[in-house]
Amino acid sequence: YSPPPPPDDAPSTYCDFCLAGAGEKGKSGRREELISCSDCGRSGHPSCLQFNITMTTRVKLYRWQCIECKTCMACGTSENDDQLLFCDDCDRGFHMYCLIPRLSEPPEGSWSCQQCVAENLLLCA
């Protein structure tokens, strides 16, 4: 008997960027666990994904999607990907036209979604 192969969307056991395995050294030069896409299973070390500690912590709290699978958290589609903004604190995606208030163009500098703004305010209180 041989066990069935893992499903196509099973998390990858190596980093899709540096090709090192889970628990091996990533771009940071230190051992890191992998973060995996909940849709396709692609994985990456936080440093290879350019995630800081805050983002690394937050992406573990929801069904994170890689850039290839990213959908808008408000409407659930990946249409008009040129209109998607990515939160600099949690990496969730949102269409500019799904935000309240809507944005007509991307903001300059960093941008945080309403959920992260609220969480950051709670942390500062």
PDB file of N, CA and C in Angstrom:
ATOM      1  N   TYR A   1       0.844  -1.196   0.000  1.00  0.00           N
ATOM      2  CA  TYR A   1       0.000   0.000   0.000  1.00  0.00           C
ATOM      3  C   TYR A   1       0.875   1.240   0.000  1.00  0.00           C
ATOM      4  N   SER A   2       0.543   2.199  -0.846  1.00  0.00           N
ATOM      5  CA  SER A   2       1.230   3.483  -0.809  1.00  0.00           C
ATOM      6  C   SER A   2       0.178   4.566  -0.617  1.00  0.00           C
ATOM      7  N   PRO A   3       0.475   5.542   0.236  1.00  0.00           N
ATOM      8  CA  PRO A   3      -0.509   6.593   0.494  1.00  0.00           C
ATOM      9  C   PRO A   3      -0.785   7.402  -0.765  1.00  0.00           C
ATOM     10  N   PRO A   4      -1.993   7.956  -0.872  1.00  0.00           N
ATOM     11  CA  PRO A   4      -2.305   8.763  -2.052  1.00  0.00           C
ATOM     12  C   PRO A   4      -1.442  10.019  -2.095  1.00  0.00           C
ATOM     13  N   PRO A   5      -1.183  10.539  -3.285  1.00  0.00           N
ATOM     14  CA  PRO A   5      -0.381  11.765  -3.386  1.00  0.00           C
ATOM     15  C   PRO A   5      -1.137  12.930  -2.753  1.00  0.00           C
ATOM     16  N   PRO A   6      -0.417  13.939  -2.280  1.00  0.00           N
ATOM     17  CA  PRO A   6      -1.090  15.101  -1.693  1.00  0.00           C
ATOM     18  C   PRO A   6      -1.909  15.822  -2.752  1.00  0.00           C
ATOM     19  N   PRO A   7      -2.972  16.499  -2.345  1.00  0.00           N
ATOM     20  CA  PRO A   7      -3.752  17.252  -3.329  1.00  0.00           C
ATOM     21  C   PRO A   7      -2.896  18.342  -3.963  1.00  0.00           C
ATOM     22  N   ASP A   8      -3.315  18.785  -5.161  1.00  0.00           N
ATOM     23  CA  ASP A   8      -2.550  19.798  -5.890  1.00  0.00           C
ATOM     24  C   ASP A   8      -2.362  21.076  -5.084  1.00  0.00           C
ATOM     25  N   ASP A   9      -3.319  21.384  -4.195  1.00  0.00           N
ATOM     26  CA  ASP A   9      -3.223  22.627  -3.437  1.00  0.00           C
ATOM     27  C   ASP A   9      -2.622  22.422  -2.045  1.00  0.00           C
ATOM     28  N   ALA A  10      -1.993  21.266  -1.813  1.00  0.00           N
ATOM     29  CA  ALA A  10      -1.322  21.044  -0.532  1.00  0.00           C
ATOM     30  C   ALA A  10      -0.164  22.034  -0.417  1.00  0.00           C
ATOM     31  N   PRO A  11       0.093  22.541   0.799  1.00  0.00           N
ATOM     32  CA  PRO A  11       1.186  23.505   0.954  1.00  0.00           C
ATOM     33  C   PRO A  11       2.522  22.947   0.479  1.00  0.00           C
ATOM     34  N   SER A  12       3.245  23.761  -0.242  1.00  0.00           N
ATOM     35  CA  SER A  12       4.566  23.399  -0.723  1.00  0.00           C
ATOM     36  C   SER A  12       5.503  23.247   0.467  1.00  0.00           C
ATOM     37  N   THR A  13       6.429  22.312   0.384  1.00  0.00           N
ATOM     38  CA  THR A  13       7.381  22.081   1.471  1.00  0.00           C
ATOM     39  C   THR A  13       8.678  22.855   1.282  1.00  0.00           C
ATOM     40  N   TYR A  14       8.706  23.728   0.273  1.00  0.00           N
ATOM     41  CA  TYR A  14       9.892  24.550   0.030  1.00  0.00           C
ATOM     42  C   TYR A  14       9.445  25.965  -0.343  1.00  0.00           C
ATOM     43  N   CYS A  15      10.355  26.896  -0.221  1.00  0.00           N
ATOM     44  CA  CYS A  15      10.088  28.292  -0.565  1.00  0.00           C
ATOM     45  C   CYS A  15      10.133  28.451  -2.082  1.00  0.00           C
ATOM     46  N   ASP A  16       9.073  28.999  -2.655  1.00  0.00           N
ATOM     47  CA  ASP A  16       9.013  29.195  -4.109  1.00  0.00           C
ATOM     48  C   ASP A  16       9.955  30.295  -4.595  1.00  0.00           C
ATOM     49  N   PHE A  17      10.606  30.999  -3.688  1.00  0.00           N
ATOM     50  CA  PHE A  17      11.509  32.088  -4.064  1.00  0.00           C
ATOM     51  C   PHE A  17      12.970  31.662  -3.959  1.00  0.00           C
ATOM     52  N   CYS A  18      13.385  31.168  -2.784  1.00  0.00           N
ATOM     53  CA  CYS A  18      14.795  30.789  -2.607  1.00  0.00           C
ATOM     54  C   CYS A  18      15.007  29.282  -2.732  1.00  0.00           C
ATOM     55  N   LEU A  19      13.915  28.519  -2.804  1.00  0.00           N
ATOM     56  CA  LEU A  19      13.917  27.066  -2.960  1.00  0.00           C
ATOM     57  C   LEU A  19      14.434  26.301  -1.745  1.00  0.00           C
ATOM     58  N   ALA A  20      14.657  26.986  -0.622  1.00  0.00           N
ATOM     59  CA  ALA A  20      15.043  26.295   0.610  1.00  0.00           C
ATOM     60  C   ALA A  20      13.794  25.690   1.248  1.00  0.00           C
ATOM     61  N   GLY A  21      13.993  24.651   2.018  1.00  0.00           N
ATOM     62  CA  GLY A  21      12.872  23.958   2.649  1.00  0.00           C
ATOM     63  C   GLY A  21      12.368  24.656   3.901  1.00  0.00           C
ATOM     64  N   ALA A  22      11.265  24.121   4.417  1.00  0.00           N
ATOM     65  CA  ALA A  22      10.698  24.637   5.667  1.00  0.00           C
ATOM     66  C   ALA A  22      11.728  24.483   6.779  1.00  0.00           C
ATOM     67  N   GLY A  23      11.867  25.485   7.610  1.00  0.00           N
ATOM     68  CA  GLY A  23      12.816  25.450   8.711  1.00  0.00           C
ATOM     69  C   GLY A  23      14.251  25.746   8.301  1.00  0.00           C
ATOM     70  N   GLU A  24      14.475  25.944   7.016  1.00  0.00           N
ATOM     71  CA  GLU A  24      15.813  26.290   6.550  1.00  0.00           C
ATOM     72  C   GLU A  24      15.945  27.806   6.475  1.00  0.00           C
ATOM     73  N   LYS A  25      17.157  28.260   6.212  1.00  0.00           N
ATOM     74  CA  LYS A  25      17.419  29.691   6.163  1.00  0.00           C
ATOM     75  C   LYS A  25      16.794  30.320   4.923  1.00  0.00           C
ATOM     76  N   GLY A  26      16.071  31.409   5.142  1.00  0.00           N
ATOM     77  CA  GLY A  26      15.498  32.175   4.042  1.00  0.00           C
ATOM     78  C   GLY A  26      16.398  33.345   3.709  1.00  0.00           C
ATOM     79  N   LYS A  27      15.831  34.337   3.066  1.00  0.00           N
ATOM     80  CA  LYS A  27      16.574  35.525   2.650  1.00  0.00           C
ATOM     81  C   LYS A  27      17.193  36.257   3.845  1.00  0.00           C
ATOM     82  N   SER A  28      16.565  36.104   5.021  1.00  0.00           N
ATOM     83  CA  SER A  28      17.041  36.787   6.224  1.00  0.00           C
ATOM     84  C   SER A  28      18.341  36.192   6.757  1.00  0.00           C
ATOM     85  N   GLY A  29      18.673  34.973   6.322  1.00  0.00           N
ATOM     86  CA  GLY A  29      19.869  34.318   6.835  1.00  0.00           C
ATOM     87  C   GLY A  29      19.606  33.529   8.104  1.00  0.00           C
ATOM     88  N   ARG A  30      18.352  33.502   8.567  1.00  0.00           N
ATOM     89  CA  ARG A  30      18.006  32.698   9.746  1.00  0.00           C
ATOM     90  C   ARG A  30      16.898  31.720   9.376  1.00  0.00           C
ATOM     91  N   ARG A  31      16.737  30.704  10.202  1.00  0.00           N
ATOM     92  CA  ARG A  31      15.719  29.691   9.945  1.00  0.00           C
ATOM     93  C   ARG A  31      14.329  30.304  10.076  1.00  0.00           C
ATOM     94  N   GLU A  32      13.475  29.979   9.119  1.00  0.00           N
ATOM     95  CA  GLU A  32      12.119  30.520   9.116  1.00  0.00           C
ATOM     96  C   GLU A  32      11.121  29.441   8.718  1.00  0.00           C
ATOM     97  N   GLU A  33       9.927  29.521   9.281  1.00  0.00           N
ATOM     98  CA  GLU A  33       8.862  28.637   8.830  1.00  0.00           C
ATOM     99  C   GLU A  33       8.295  29.210   7.528  1.00  0.00           C
ATOM    100  N   LEU A  34       7.577  28.392   6.794  1.00  0.00           N
ATOM    101  CA  LEU A  34       6.990  28.828   5.532  1.00  0.00           C
ATOM    102  C   LEU A  34       5.564  29.330   5.739  1.00  0.00           C
ATOM    103  N   ILE A  35       5.180  30.303   4.941  1.00  0.00           N
ATOM    104  CA  ILE A  35       3.799  30.775   4.878  1.00  0.00           C
ATOM    105  C   ILE A  35       3.247  30.246   3.556  1.00  0.00           C
ATOM    106  N   SER A  36       2.070  29.621   3.607  1.00  0.00           N
ATOM    107  CA  SER A  36       1.523  28.969   2.409  1.00  0.00           C
ATOM    108  C   SER A  36       0.207  29.584   1.981  1.00  0.00           C
ATOM    109  N   CYS A  37       0.016  29.676   0.676  1.00  0.00           N
ATOM    110  CA  CYS A  37      -1.218  30.177   0.090  1.00  0.00           C
ATOM    111  C   CYS A  37      -2.342  29.178   0.371  1.00  0.00           C
ATOM    112  N   SER A  38      -3.467  29.680   0.857  1.00  0.00           N
ATOM    113  CA  SER A  38      -4.598  28.816   1.181  1.00  0.00           C
ATOM    114  C   SER A  38      -5.292  28.290  -0.069  1.00  0.00           C
ATOM    115  N   ASP A  39      -5.041  28.900  -1.226  1.00  0.00           N
ATOM    116  CA  ASP A  39      -5.691  28.465  -2.466  1.00  0.00           C
ATOM    117  C   ASP A  39      -4.832  27.495  -3.283  1.00  0.00           C
ATOM    118  N   CYS A  40      -3.576  27.849  -3.545  1.00  0.00           N
ATOM    119  CA  CYS A  40      -2.752  27.027  -4.438  1.00  0.00           C
ATOM    120  C   CYS A  40      -1.657  26.252  -3.720  1.00  0.00           C
ATOM    121  N   GLY A  41      -1.350  26.625  -2.470  1.00  0.00           N
ATOM    122  CA  GLY A  41      -0.329  25.920  -1.709  1.00  0.00           C
ATOM    123  C   GLY A  41       1.091  26.428  -1.897  1.00  0.00           C
ATOM    124  N   ARG A  42       1.298  27.427  -2.773  1.00  0.00           N
ATOM    125  CA  ARG A  42       2.651  27.985  -2.912  1.00  0.00           C
ATOM    126  C   ARG A  42       3.101  28.508  -1.553  1.00  0.00           C
ATOM    127  N   SER A  43       4.391  28.376  -1.284  1.00  0.00           N
ATOM    128  CA  SER A  43       4.908  28.766   0.022  1.00  0.00           C
ATOM    129  C   SER A  43       6.105  29.694  -0.116  1.00  0.00           C
ATOM    130  N   GLY A  44       6.369  30.434   0.947  1.00  0.00           N
ATOM    131  CA  GLY A  44       7.532  31.313   0.973  1.00  0.00           C
ATOM    132  C   GLY A  44       7.940  31.634   2.392  1.00  0.00           C
ATOM    133  N   HIS A  45       9.222  31.856   2.587  1.00  0.00           N
ATOM    134  CA  HIS A  45       9.707  32.358   3.874  1.00  0.00           C
ATOM    135  C   HIS A  45       9.224  33.800   4.020  1.00  0.00           C
ATOM    136  N   PRO A  46       8.892  34.239   5.224  1.00  0.00           N
ATOM    137  CA  PRO A  46       8.481  35.631   5.404  1.00  0.00           C
ATOM    138  C   PRO A  46       9.486  36.628   4.817  1.00  0.00           C
ATOM    139  N   SER A  47      10.781  36.377   5.003  1.00  0.00           N
ATOM    140  CA  SER A  47      11.780  37.320   4.471  1.00  0.00           C
ATOM    141  C   SER A  47      11.811  37.300   2.949  1.00  0.00           C
ATOM    142  N   CYS A  48      11.577  36.157   2.335  1.00  0.00           N
ATOM    143  CA  CYS A  48      11.549  36.074   0.870  1.00  0.00           C
ATOM    144  C   CYS A  48      10.301  36.764   0.317  1.00  0.00           C
ATOM    145  N   LEU A  49       9.214  36.760   1.098  1.00  0.00           N
ATOM    146  CA  LEU A  49       7.983  37.453   0.725  1.00  0.00           C
ATOM    147  C   LEU A  49       8.045  38.946   1.087  1.00  0.00           C
ATOM    148  N   GLN A  50       9.131  39.353   1.743  1.00  0.00           N
ATOM    149  CA  GLN A  50       9.337  40.725   2.220  1.00  0.00           C
ATOM    150  C   GLN A  50       8.280  41.119   3.241  1.00  0.00           C
ATOM    151  N   PHE A  51       7.924  40.174   4.129  1.00  0.00           N
ATOM    152  CA  PHE A  51       6.975  40.427   5.210  1.00  0.00           C
ATOM    153  C   PHE A  51       7.739  40.803   6.471  1.00  0.00           C
ATOM    154  N   ASN A  52       7.288  41.864   7.143  1.00  0.00           N
ATOM    155  CA  ASN A  52       7.858  42.209   8.435  1.00  0.00           C
ATOM    156  C   ASN A  52       7.190  41.347   9.517  1.00  0.00           C
ATOM    157  N   ILE A  53       7.570  41.522  10.765  1.00  0.00           N
ATOM    158  CA  ILE A  53       7.040  40.691  11.850  1.00  0.00           C
ATOM    159  C   ILE A  53       5.534  40.873  12.003  1.00  0.00           C
ATOM    160  N   THR A  54       5.048  42.110  11.890  1.00  0.00           N
ATOM    161  CA  THR A  54       3.613  42.376  12.015  1.00  0.00           C
ATOM    162  C   THR A  54       2.840  41.630  10.936  1.00  0.00           C
ATOM    163  N   MET A  55       3.266  41.751   9.689  1.00  0.00           N
ATOM    164  CA  MET A  55       2.553  41.092   8.610  1.00  0.00           C
ATOM    165  C   MET A  55       2.643  39.574   8.744  1.00  0.00           C
ATOM    166  N   THR A  56       3.798  39.057   9.108  1.00  0.00           N
ATOM    167  CA  THR A  56       3.961  37.616   9.284  1.00  0.00           C
ATOM    168  C   THR A  56       2.976  37.090  10.321  1.00  0.00           C
ATOM    169  N   THR A  57       2.815  37.817  11.401  1.00  0.00           N
ATOM    170  CA  THR A  57       1.871  37.417  12.448  1.00  0.00           C
ATOM    171  C   THR A  57       0.440  37.473  11.937  1.00  0.00           C
ATOM    172  N   ARG A  58       0.094  38.533  11.236  1.00  0.00           N
ATOM    173  CA  ARG A  58      -1.292  38.725  10.785  1.00  0.00           C
ATOM    174  C   ARG A  58      -1.708  37.761   9.680  1.00  0.00           C
ATOM    175  N   VAL A  59      -0.817  37.397   8.761  1.00  0.00           N
ATOM    176  CA  VAL A  59      -1.228  36.493   7.678  1.00  0.00           C
ATOM    177  C   VAL A  59      -1.535  35.092   8.197  1.00  0.00           C
ATOM    178  N   LYS A  60      -1.063  34.779   9.393  1.00  0.00           N
ATOM    179  CA  LYS A  60      -1.356  33.471   9.987  1.00  0.00           C
ATOM    180  C   LYS A  60      -2.751  33.429  10.605  1.00  0.00           C
ATOM    181  N   LEU A  61      -3.417  34.577  10.665  1.00  0.00           N
ATOM    182  CA  LEU A  61      -4.732  34.656  11.306  1.00  0.00           C
ATOM    183  C   LEU A  61      -5.895  34.510  10.333  1.00  0.00           C
ATOM    184  N   TYR A  62      -5.607  34.421   9.049  1.00  0.00           N
ATOM    185  CA  TYR A  62      -6.672  34.278   8.057  1.00  0.00           C
ATOM    186  C   TYR A  62      -6.166  33.427   6.889  1.00  0.00           C
ATOM    187  N   ARG A  63      -7.043  33.144   5.960  1.00  0.00           N
ATOM    188  CA  ARG A  63      -6.678  32.331   4.788  1.00  0.00           C
ATOM    189  C   ARG A  63      -5.903  33.198   3.801  1.00  0.00           C
ATOM    190  N   TRP A  64      -4.586  33.275   4.005  1.00  0.00           N
ATOM    191  CA  TRP A  64      -3.727  34.120   3.186  1.00  0.00           C
ATOM    192  C   TRP A  64      -3.676  33.591   1.754  1.00  0.00           C
ATOM    193  N   GLN A  65      -3.610  34.513   0.787  1.00  0.00           N
ATOM    194  CA  GLN A  65      -3.499  34.169  -0.637  1.00  0.00           C
ATOM    195  C   GLN A  65      -2.231  34.789  -1.207  1.00  0.00           C
ATOM    196  N   CYS A  66      -1.535  34.016  -2.033  1.00  0.00           N
ATOM    197  CA  CYS A  66      -0.352  34.543  -2.716  1.00  0.00           C
ATOM    198  C   CYS A  66      -0.784  35.560  -3.778  1.00  0.00           C
ATOM    199  N   ILE A  67       0.159  36.237  -4.358  1.00  0.00           N
ATOM    200  CA  ILE A  67      -0.136  37.278  -5.346  1.00  0.00           C
ATOM    201  C   ILE A  67      -0.873  36.718  -6.557  1.00  0.00           C
ATOM    202  N   GLU A  68      -0.621  35.477  -6.912  1.00  0.00           N
ATOM    203  CA  GLU A  68      -1.288  34.865  -8.063  1.00  0.00           C
ATOM    204  C   GLU A  68      -2.759  34.545  -7.787  1.00  0.00           C
ATOM    205  N   CYS A  69      -3.099  34.292  -6.534  1.00  0.00           N
ATOM    206  CA  CYS A  69      -4.456  33.877  -6.157  1.00  0.00           C
ATOM    207  C   CYS A  69      -5.260  34.991  -5.496  1.00  0.00           C
ATOM    208  N   LYS A  70      -4.618  36.115  -5.209  1.00  0.00           N
ATOM    209  CA  LYS A  70      -5.221  37.196  -4.415  1.00  0.00           C
ATOM    210  C   LYS A  70      -6.564  37.639  -4.982  1.00  0.00           C
ATOM    211  N   THR A  71      -7.555  37.745  -4.093  1.00  0.00           N
ATOM    212  CA  THR A  71      -8.872  38.270  -4.429  1.00  0.00           C
ATOM    213  C   THR A  71      -9.195  39.419  -3.486  1.00  0.00           C
ATOM    214  N   CYS A  72     -10.158  40.222  -3.874  1.00  0.00           N
ATOM    215  CA  CYS A  72     -10.613  41.339  -3.051  1.00  0.00           C
ATOM    216  C   CYS A  72     -11.370  40.790  -1.844  1.00  0.00           C
ATOM    217  N   MET A  73     -11.024  41.245  -0.662  1.00  0.00           N
ATOM    218  CA  MET A  73     -11.693  40.781   0.554  1.00  0.00           C
ATOM    219  C   MET A  73     -13.128  41.288   0.639  1.00  0.00           C
ATOM    220  N   ALA A  74     -13.458  42.333  -0.105  1.00  0.00           N
ATOM    221  CA  ALA A  74     -14.808  42.890  -0.058  1.00  0.00           C
ATOM    222  C   ALA A  74     -15.755  42.174  -1.023  1.00  0.00           C
ATOM    223  N   CYS A  75     -15.324  41.980  -2.276  1.00  0.00           N
ATOM    224  CA  CYS A  75     -16.226  41.397  -3.279  1.00  0.00           C
ATOM    225  C   CYS A  75     -15.875  39.962  -3.654  1.00  0.00           C
ATOM    226  N   GLY A  76     -14.688  39.507  -3.282  1.00  0.00           N
ATOM    227  CA  GLY A  76     -14.300  38.128  -3.521  1.00  0.00           C
ATOM    228  C   GLY A  76     -13.800  37.796  -4.913  1.00  0.00           C
ATOM    229  N   THR A  77     -13.627  38.804  -5.777  1.00  0.00           N
ATOM    230  CA  THR A  77     -13.155  38.513  -7.129  1.00  0.00           C
ATOM    231  C   THR A  77     -11.707  38.971  -7.314  1.00  0.00           C
ATOM    232  N   SER A  78     -11.109  38.460  -8.377  1.00  0.00           N
ATOM    233  CA  SER A  78      -9.753  38.891  -8.732  1.00  0.00           C
ATOM    234  C   SER A  78      -9.775  39.738  -9.995  1.00  0.00           C
ATOM    235  N   GLU A  79     -10.968  40.079 -10.452  1.00  0.00           N
ATOM    236  CA  GLU A  79     -11.090  40.931 -11.642  1.00  0.00           C
ATOM    237  C   GLU A  79     -10.447  42.290 -11.377  1.00  0.00           C
ATOM    238  N   ASN A  80     -10.034  42.943 -12.435  1.00  0.00           N
ATOM    239  CA  ASN A  80      -9.436  44.283 -12.340  1.00  0.00           C
ATOM    240  C   ASN A  80      -8.286  44.303 -11.331  1.00  0.00           C
ATOM    241  N   ASP A  81      -7.352  43.366 -11.500  1.00  0.00           N
ATOM    242  CA  ASP A  81      -6.256  43.288 -10.541  1.00  0.00           C
ATOM    243  C   ASP A  81      -5.405  44.552 -10.501  1.00  0.00           C
ATOM    244  N   ASP A  82      -5.487  45.384 -11.520  1.00  0.00           N
ATOM    245  CA  ASP A  82      -4.771  46.661 -11.497  1.00  0.00           C
ATOM    246  C   ASP A  82      -5.417  47.636 -10.507  1.00  0.00           C
ATOM    247  N   GLN A  83      -6.600  47.312 -10.029  1.00  0.00           N
ATOM    248  CA  GLN A  83      -7.307  48.150  -9.059  1.00  0.00           C
ATOM    249  C   GLN A  83      -7.161  47.623  -7.622  1.00  0.00           C
ATOM    250  N   LEU A  84      -6.440  46.499  -7.448  1.00  0.00           N
ATOM    251  CA  LEU A  84      -6.278  45.903  -6.118  1.00  0.00           C
ATOM    252  C   LEU A  84      -5.190  46.612  -5.322  1.00  0.00           C
ATOM    253  N   LEU A  85      -5.522  46.964  -4.101  1.00  0.00           N
ATOM    254  CA  LEU A  85      -4.546  47.488  -3.145  1.00  0.00           C
ATOM    255  C   LEU A  85      -4.236  46.373  -2.158  1.00  0.00           C
ATOM    256  N   PHE A  86      -3.021  46.324  -1.656  1.00  0.00           N
ATOM    257  CA  PHE A  86      -2.638  45.333  -0.665  1.00  0.00           C
ATOM    258  C   PHE A  86      -2.272  46.049   0.624  1.00  0.00           C
ATOM    259  N   CYS A  87      -2.891  45.628   1.704  1.00  0.00           N
ATOM    260  CA  CYS A  87      -2.635  46.243   3.005  1.00  0.00           C
ATOM    261  C   CYS A  87      -1.182  45.984   3.401  1.00  0.00           C
ATOM    262  N   ASP A  88      -0.496  47.030   3.842  1.00  0.00           N
ATOM    263  CA  ASP A  88       0.899  46.908   4.249  1.00  0.00           C
ATOM    264  C   ASP A  88       1.062  46.275   5.627  1.00  0.00           C
ATOM    265  N   ASP A  89      -0.056  46.034   6.333  1.00  0.00           N
ATOM    266  CA  ASP A  89       0.010  45.393   7.642  1.00  0.00           C
ATOM    267  C   ASP A  89      -0.423  43.925   7.626  1.00  0.00           C
ATOM    268  N   CYS A  90      -1.327  43.547   6.698  1.00  0.00           N
ATOM    269  CA  CYS A  90      -1.834  42.166   6.699  1.00  0.00           C
ATOM    270  C   CYS A  90      -1.806  41.501   5.327  1.00  0.00           C
ATOM    271  N   ASP A  91      -1.518  42.229   4.271  1.00  0.00           N
ATOM    272  CA  ASP A  91      -1.427  41.739   2.890  1.00  0.00           C
ATOM    273  C   ASP A  91      -2.776  41.351   2.284  1.00  0.00           C
ATOM    274  N   ARG A  92      -3.888  41.696   2.930  1.00  0.00           N
ATOM    275  CA  ARG A  92      -5.189  41.441   2.315  1.00  0.00           C
ATOM    276  C   ARG A  92      -5.341  42.377   1.117  1.00  0.00           C
ATOM    277  N   GLY A  93      -6.096  41.931   0.100  1.00  0.00           N
ATOM    278  CA  GLY A  93      -6.328  42.743  -1.080  1.00  0.00           C
ATOM    279  C   GLY A  93      -7.719  43.351  -1.096  1.00  0.00           C
ATOM    280  N   PHE A  94      -7.825  44.550  -1.614  1.00  0.00           N
ATOM    281  CA  PHE A  94      -9.095  45.266  -1.748  1.00  0.00           C
ATOM    282  C   PHE A  94      -9.076  46.075  -3.037  1.00  0.00           C
ATOM    283  N   HIS A  95     -10.157  45.992  -3.817  1.00  0.00           N
ATOM    284  CA  HIS A  95     -10.283  46.888  -4.963  1.00  0.00           C
ATOM    285  C   HIS A  95     -10.463  48.307  -4.442  1.00  0.00           C
ATOM    286  N   MET A  96      -9.890  49.264  -5.117  1.00  0.00           N
ATOM    287  CA  MET A  96     -10.055  50.669  -4.704  1.00  0.00           C
ATOM    288  C   MET A  96     -11.527  51.063  -4.731  1.00  0.00           C
ATOM    289  N   TYR A  97     -12.306  50.494  -5.673  1.00  0.00           N
ATOM    290  CA  TYR A  97     -13.719  50.851  -5.785  1.00  0.00           C
ATOM    291  C   TYR A  97     -14.604  50.079  -4.800  1.00  0.00           C
ATOM    292  N   CYS A  98     -14.048  49.097  -4.078  1.00  0.00           N
ATOM    293  CA  CYS A  98     -14.817  48.376  -3.058  1.00  0.00           C
ATOM    294  C   CYS A  98     -14.648  49.005  -1.672  1.00  0.00           C
ATOM    295  N   LEU A  99     -13.681  49.897  -1.545  1.00  0.00           N
ATOM    296  CA  LEU A  99     -13.441  50.553  -0.252  1.00  0.00           C
ATOM    297  C   LEU A  99     -14.507  51.604   0.022  1.00  0.00           C
ATOM    298  N   ILE A 100     -14.745  51.866   1.303  1.00  0.00           N
ATOM    299  CA  ILE A 100     -15.657  52.944   1.706  1.00  0.00           C
ATOM    300  C   ILE A 100     -14.837  53.903   2.555  1.00  0.00           C
ATOM    301  N   PRO A 101     -14.585  55.111   2.104  1.00  0.00           N
ATOM    302  CA  PRO A 101     -14.945  55.659   0.800  1.00  0.00           C
ATOM    303  C   PRO A 101     -14.054  55.074  -0.307  1.00  0.00           C
ATOM    304  N   ARG A 102     -14.580  55.119  -1.527  1.00  0.00           N
ATOM    305  CA  ARG A 102     -13.827  54.626  -2.683  1.00  0.00           C
ATOM    306  C   ARG A 102     -12.581  55.474  -2.902  1.00  0.00           C
ATOM    307  N   LEU A 103     -11.578  54.855  -3.486  1.00  0.00           N
ATOM    308  CA  LEU A 103     -10.378  55.595  -3.887  1.00  0.00           C
ATOM    309  C   LEU A 103     -10.327  55.612  -5.403  1.00  0.00           C
ATOM    310  N   SER A 104      -9.985  56.756  -5.971  1.00  0.00           N
ATOM    311  CA  SER A 104      -9.890  56.853  -7.426  1.00  0.00           C
ATOM    312  C   SER A 104      -8.484  56.510  -7.925  1.00  0.00           C
ATOM    313  N   GLU A 105      -7.500  56.624  -7.039  1.00  0.00           N
ATOM    314  CA  GLU A 105      -6.136  56.244  -7.395  1.00  0.00           C
ATOM    315  C   GLU A 105      -5.425  55.730  -6.152  1.00  0.00           C
ATOM    316  N   PRO A 106      -4.377  54.932  -6.340  1.00  0.00           N
ATOM    317  CA  PRO A 106      -3.672  54.364  -5.185  1.00  0.00           C
ATOM    318  C   PRO A 106      -3.067  55.469  -4.317  1.00  0.00           C
ATOM    319  N   PRO A 107      -3.114  55.281  -3.004  1.00  0.00           N
ATOM    320  CA  PRO A 107      -2.493  56.277  -2.127  1.00  0.00           C
ATOM    321  C   PRO A 107      -0.972  56.225  -2.256  1.00  0.00           C
ATOM    322  N   GLU A 108      -0.337  57.341  -1.982  1.00  0.00           N
ATOM    323  CA  GLU A 108       1.125  57.370  -1.985  1.00  0.00           C
ATOM    324  C   GLU A 108       1.617  56.817  -0.663  1.00  0.00           C
ATOM    325  N   GLY A 109       2.710  56.106  -0.685  1.00  0.00           N
ATOM    326  CA  GLY A 109       3.262  55.547   0.544  1.00  0.00           C
ATOM    327  C   GLY A 109       2.526  54.294   0.973  1.00  0.00           C
ATOM    328  N   SER A 110       2.600  54.002   2.254  1.00  0.00           N
ATOM    329  CA  SER A 110       1.983  52.774   2.751  1.00  0.00           C
ATOM    330  C   SER A 110       0.476  52.968   2.941  1.00  0.00           C
ATOM    331  N   TRP A 111      -0.240  51.853   2.929  1.00  0.00           N
ATOM    332  CA  TRP A 111      -1.691  51.877   3.095  1.00  0.00           C
ATOM    333  C   TRP A 111      -2.108  50.705   3.968  1.00  0.00           C
ATOM    334  N   SER A 112      -3.014  50.970   4.907  1.00  0.00           N
ATOM    335  CA  SER A 112      -3.542  49.935   5.786  1.00  0.00           C
ATOM    336  C   SER A 112      -5.048  49.840   5.628  1.00  0.00           C
ATOM    337  N   CYS A 113      -5.563  48.610   5.633  1.00  0.00           N
ATOM    338  CA  CYS A 113      -7.008  48.400   5.523  1.00  0.00           C
ATOM    339  C   CYS A 113      -7.692  48.840   6.826  1.00  0.00           C
ATOM    340  N   GLN A 114      -9.010  48.986   6.773  1.00  0.00           N
ATOM    341  CA  GLN A 114      -9.761  49.462   7.936  1.00  0.00           C
ATOM    342  C   GLN A 114      -9.597  48.534   9.136  1.00  0.00           C
ATOM    343  N   GLN A 115      -9.537  47.218   8.893  1.00  0.00           N
ATOM    344  CA  GLN A 115      -9.382  46.269   9.992  1.00  0.00           C
ATOM    345  C   GLN A 115      -8.052  46.491  10.711  1.00  0.00           C
ATOM    346  N   CYS A 116      -6.986  46.665   9.961  1.00  0.00           N
ATOM    347  CA  CYS A 116      -5.673  46.876  10.577  1.00  0.00           C
ATOM    348  C   CYS A 116      -5.587  48.233  11.265  1.00  0.00           C
ATOM    349  N   VAL A 117      -6.211  49.262  10.673  1.00  0.00           N
ATOM    350  CA  VAL A 117      -6.230  50.578  11.321  1.00  0.00           C
ATOM    351  C   VAL A 117      -6.905  50.455  12.675  1.00  0.00           C
ATOM    352  N   ALA A 118      -8.048  49.756  12.723  1.00  0.00           N
ATOM    353  CA  ALA A 118      -8.774  49.578  13.989  1.00  0.00           C
ATOM    354  C   ALA A 118      -7.935  48.774  14.994  1.00  0.00           C
ATOM    355  N   GLU A 119      -7.281  47.706  14.535  1.00  0.00           N
ATOM    356  CA  GLU A 119      -6.449  46.903  15.425  1.00  0.00           C
ATOM    357  C   GLU A 119      -5.264  47.707  15.933  1.00  0.00           C
ATOM    358  N   ASN A 120      -4.651  48.519  15.065  1.00  0.00           N
ATOM    359  CA  ASN A 120      -3.519  49.349  15.487  1.00  0.00           C
ATOM    360  C   ASN A 120      -3.943  50.386  16.509  1.00  0.00           C
ATOM    361  N   LEU A 121      -5.158  50.938  16.368  1.00  0.00           N
ATOM    362  CA  LEU A 121      -5.664  51.889  17.360  1.00  0.00           C
ATOM    363  C   LEU A 121      -5.863  51.208  18.711  1.00  0.00           C
ATOM    364  N   LEU A 122      -6.369  49.983  18.700  1.00  0.00           N
ATOM    365  CA  LEU A 122      -6.567  49.241  19.944  1.00  0.00           C
ATOM    366  C   LEU A 122      -5.252  48.961  20.635  1.00  0.00           C
ATOM    367  N   LEU A 123      -4.217  48.651  19.855  1.00  0.00           N
ATOM    368  CA  LEU A 123      -2.905  48.378  20.420  1.00  0.00           C
ATOM    369  C   LEU A 123      -2.292  49.619  21.055  1.00  0.00           C
ATOM    370  N   CYS A 124      -2.630  50.793  20.499  1.00  0.00           N
ATOM    371  CA  CYS A 124      -2.057  52.045  21.009  1.00  0.00           C
ATOM    372  C   CYS A 124      -2.848  52.598  22.200  1.00  0.00           C
ATOM    373  N   ALA A 125      -4.056  52.102  22.415  1.00  0.00           N
ATOM    374  CA  ALA A 125      -4.915  52.631  23.492  1.00  0.00           C
ATOM    375  C   ALA A 125      -4.462  52.186  24.854  1.00  0.00           C
TER     376      ALA A 125
END
